[in-house]
Amino acid sequence: MNIKHENLKLIAIMEFDEYENMYKVVDFLNKNLKQRGIIFGLARKDGKDILSIYDTSESHLK
C-alpha cells in the first residue's frame, strides 16, 4: 500500500501522559490495520504523547 500524505484524513487525535512503550502499540496497530485503511501516528512533545488516527481510504476524497 503506497500512502501519500495528502490522502490522509485525520479521524481523531488524543494527548496523554508519555508512555515509554507506546511506539510498540502504534507499530502493532499499524501492522494490523493498515490494510483496512487506518494508520496511527505518534508524536512526543513536552512529556506528552500525541496519538493520531488517520483514514487512508479514498472514500473520504469523494
N, C-alpha and C. Protein backbone atom coordinates (compact mmCIF):
# COMPACT_ATOMS: atom_id res chain seq x y z
N MET A 1 0.85 -1.17 0.00
CA MET A 1 0.00 0.00 0.00
C MET A 1 0.89 1.24 0.00
N ASN A 2 0.75 2.06 -1.01
CA ASN A 2 1.52 3.28 -1.11
C ASN A 2 0.63 4.44 -0.67
N ILE A 3 0.98 5.08 0.42
CA ILE A 3 0.14 6.14 1.01
C ILE A 3 0.80 7.49 0.80
N LYS A 4 0.05 8.41 0.23
CA LYS A 4 0.53 9.78 0.06
C LYS A 4 -0.05 10.63 1.17
N HIS A 5 0.78 11.51 1.70
CA HIS A 5 0.37 12.33 2.84
C HIS A 5 -0.90 13.12 2.55
N GLU A 6 -1.07 13.61 1.34
CA GLU A 6 -2.24 14.43 1.04
C GLU A 6 -3.53 13.62 1.01
N ASN A 7 -3.44 12.28 0.99
CA ASN A 7 -4.62 11.43 1.01
C ASN A 7 -5.03 11.00 2.41
N LEU A 8 -4.36 11.52 3.42
CA LEU A 8 -4.69 11.15 4.79
C LEU A 8 -5.74 12.09 5.35
N LYS A 9 -6.74 11.50 5.99
CA LYS A 9 -7.77 12.30 6.68
C LYS A 9 -7.64 12.02 8.16
N LEU A 10 -7.42 13.05 8.94
CA LEU A 10 -7.31 12.91 10.38
C LEU A 10 -8.68 12.56 10.94
N ILE A 11 -8.77 11.43 11.63
CA ILE A 11 -10.02 10.99 12.25
C ILE A 11 -10.10 11.47 13.69
N ALA A 12 -8.99 11.28 14.43
CA ALA A 12 -9.00 11.65 15.84
C ALA A 12 -7.58 11.90 16.32
N ILE A 13 -7.48 12.66 17.38
CA ILE A 13 -6.19 12.94 18.00
C ILE A 13 -6.41 12.98 19.50
N MET A 14 -5.44 12.42 20.24
CA MET A 14 -5.54 12.38 21.69
C MET A 14 -4.17 12.62 22.31
N GLU A 15 -4.13 13.41 23.35
CA GLU A 15 -2.88 13.69 24.06
C GLU A 15 -2.97 13.09 25.46
N PHE A 16 -1.90 12.44 25.89
CA PHE A 16 -1.89 11.82 27.22
C PHE A 16 -0.47 11.79 27.74
N ASP A 17 -0.32 11.43 29.01
CA ASP A 17 1.00 11.34 29.62
C ASP A 17 1.87 10.35 28.85
N GLU A 18 3.14 10.68 28.75
CA GLU A 18 4.07 9.85 28.00
C GLU A 18 4.11 8.42 28.54
N TYR A 19 4.04 7.48 27.62
CA TYR A 19 4.12 6.06 27.93
C TYR A 19 5.30 5.51 27.14
N GLU A 20 6.29 5.01 27.84
CA GLU A 20 7.56 4.61 27.23
C GLU A 20 7.42 3.65 26.05
N ASN A 21 6.51 2.70 26.12
CA ASN A 21 6.36 1.69 25.07
C ASN A 21 5.22 1.95 24.10
N MET A 22 4.72 3.17 24.07
CA MET A 22 3.59 3.47 23.19
C MET A 22 3.93 3.23 21.73
N TYR A 23 5.18 3.42 21.35
CA TYR A 23 5.57 3.19 19.96
C TYR A 23 5.33 1.73 19.56
N LYS A 24 5.41 0.81 20.52
CA LYS A 24 5.15 -0.60 20.22
C LYS A 24 3.66 -0.83 19.95
N VAL A 25 2.82 -0.13 20.69
CA VAL A 25 1.37 -0.23 20.47
C VAL A 25 1.02 0.32 19.09
N VAL A 26 1.57 1.48 18.75
CA VAL A 26 1.30 2.09 17.45
C VAL A 26 1.80 1.20 16.32
N ASP A 27 2.97 0.62 16.47
CA ASP A 27 3.52 -0.30 15.47
C ASP A 27 2.59 -1.50 15.28
N PHE A 28 2.12 -2.08 16.39
CA PHE A 28 1.20 -3.22 16.33
C PHE A 28 -0.09 -2.84 15.61
N LEU A 29 -0.66 -1.70 15.97
CA LEU A 29 -1.91 -1.26 15.33
C LEU A 29 -1.70 -1.03 13.84
N ASN A 30 -0.61 -0.37 13.46
CA ASN A 30 -0.35 -0.11 12.04
C ASN A 30 -0.17 -1.39 11.25
N LYS A 31 0.55 -2.35 11.79
CA LYS A 31 0.76 -3.62 11.10
C LYS A 31 -0.54 -4.37 10.88
N ASN A 32 -1.49 -4.21 11.79
CA ASN A 32 -2.72 -4.98 11.71
C ASN A 32 -3.90 -4.24 11.08
N LEU A 33 -3.84 -2.94 11.00
CA LEU A 33 -4.98 -2.18 10.47
C LEU A 33 -4.69 -1.40 9.20
N LYS A 34 -3.44 -1.37 8.77
CA LYS A 34 -3.07 -0.63 7.57
C LYS A 34 -3.86 -1.09 6.35
N GLN A 35 -4.04 -2.39 6.20
CA GLN A 35 -4.77 -2.92 5.04
C GLN A 35 -6.25 -2.55 5.07
N ARG A 36 -6.74 -2.11 6.21
CA ARG A 36 -8.14 -1.67 6.33
C ARG A 36 -8.27 -0.17 6.15
N GLY A 37 -7.16 0.48 5.82
CA GLY A 37 -7.21 1.91 5.53
C GLY A 37 -7.08 2.81 6.75
N ILE A 38 -6.58 2.26 7.85
CA ILE A 38 -6.39 3.04 9.07
C ILE A 38 -4.92 2.99 9.45
N ILE A 39 -4.33 4.16 9.71
CA ILE A 39 -2.96 4.18 10.23
C ILE A 39 -2.90 5.12 11.43
N PHE A 40 -1.91 4.88 12.27
CA PHE A 40 -1.75 5.63 13.50
C PHE A 40 -0.43 6.37 13.48
N GLY A 41 -0.42 7.54 14.07
CA GLY A 41 0.80 8.32 14.20
C GLY A 41 1.05 8.63 15.67
N LEU A 42 2.32 8.76 16.01
CA LEU A 42 2.69 9.06 17.39
C LEU A 42 3.72 10.18 17.41
N ALA A 43 3.46 11.18 18.22
CA ALA A 43 4.41 12.28 18.41
C ALA A 43 4.60 12.47 19.91
N ARG A 44 5.76 12.99 20.27
CA ARG A 44 6.03 13.31 21.67
C ARG A 44 6.40 14.77 21.77
N LYS A 45 5.76 15.44 22.74
CA LYS A 45 6.03 16.87 22.93
C LYS A 45 5.83 17.23 24.39
N ASP A 46 6.82 17.82 24.98
CA ASP A 46 6.74 18.31 26.35
C ASP A 46 6.27 17.24 27.34
N GLY A 47 6.79 16.02 27.23
CA GLY A 47 6.43 14.95 28.16
C GLY A 47 5.07 14.33 27.91
N LYS A 48 4.48 14.63 26.79
CA LYS A 48 3.16 14.09 26.42
C LYS A 48 3.29 13.28 25.15
N ASP A 49 2.46 12.25 25.02
CA ASP A 49 2.33 11.50 23.77
C ASP A 49 1.09 12.03 23.05
N ILE A 50 1.20 12.16 21.74
CA ILE A 50 0.08 12.60 20.93
C ILE A 50 -0.18 11.50 19.91
N LEU A 51 -1.32 10.84 20.05
CA LEU A 51 -1.71 9.75 19.17
C LEU A 51 -2.71 10.28 18.14
N SER A 52 -2.42 10.04 16.87
CA SER A 52 -3.30 10.46 15.78
C SER A 52 -3.77 9.23 15.02
N ILE A 53 -5.02 9.27 14.58
CA ILE A 53 -5.59 8.19 13.77
C ILE A 53 -5.99 8.79 12.43
N TYR A 54 -5.57 8.11 11.36
CA TYR A 54 -5.82 8.60 10.00
C TYR A 54 -6.57 7.58 9.17
N ASP A 55 -7.44 8.07 8.30
CA ASP A 55 -8.13 7.27 7.30
C ASP A 55 -7.33 7.41 6.01
N THR A 56 -6.88 6.29 5.44
CA THR A 56 -6.11 6.34 4.20
C THR A 56 -6.93 5.92 2.99
N SER A 57 -8.19 5.53 3.23
CA SER A 57 -9.03 5.10 2.12
C SER A 57 -9.38 6.31 1.25
N GLU A 58 -9.72 6.03 0.03
CA GLU A 58 -10.05 7.12 -0.88
C GLU A 58 -11.50 7.52 -0.79
N SER A 59 -12.30 6.84 0.03
CA SER A 59 -13.72 7.16 0.14
C SER A 59 -13.95 8.57 0.70
N HIS A 60 -13.04 9.05 1.53
CA HIS A 60 -13.20 10.40 2.09
C HIS A 60 -12.83 11.49 1.09
N LEU A 61 -12.27 11.13 -0.05
CA LEU A 61 -11.88 12.12 -1.06
C LEU A 61 -13.02 12.47 -1.99
N LYS A 62 -14.07 11.69 -1.97
CA LYS A 62 -15.21 11.92 -2.90
C LYS A 62 -16.11 13.02 -2.45
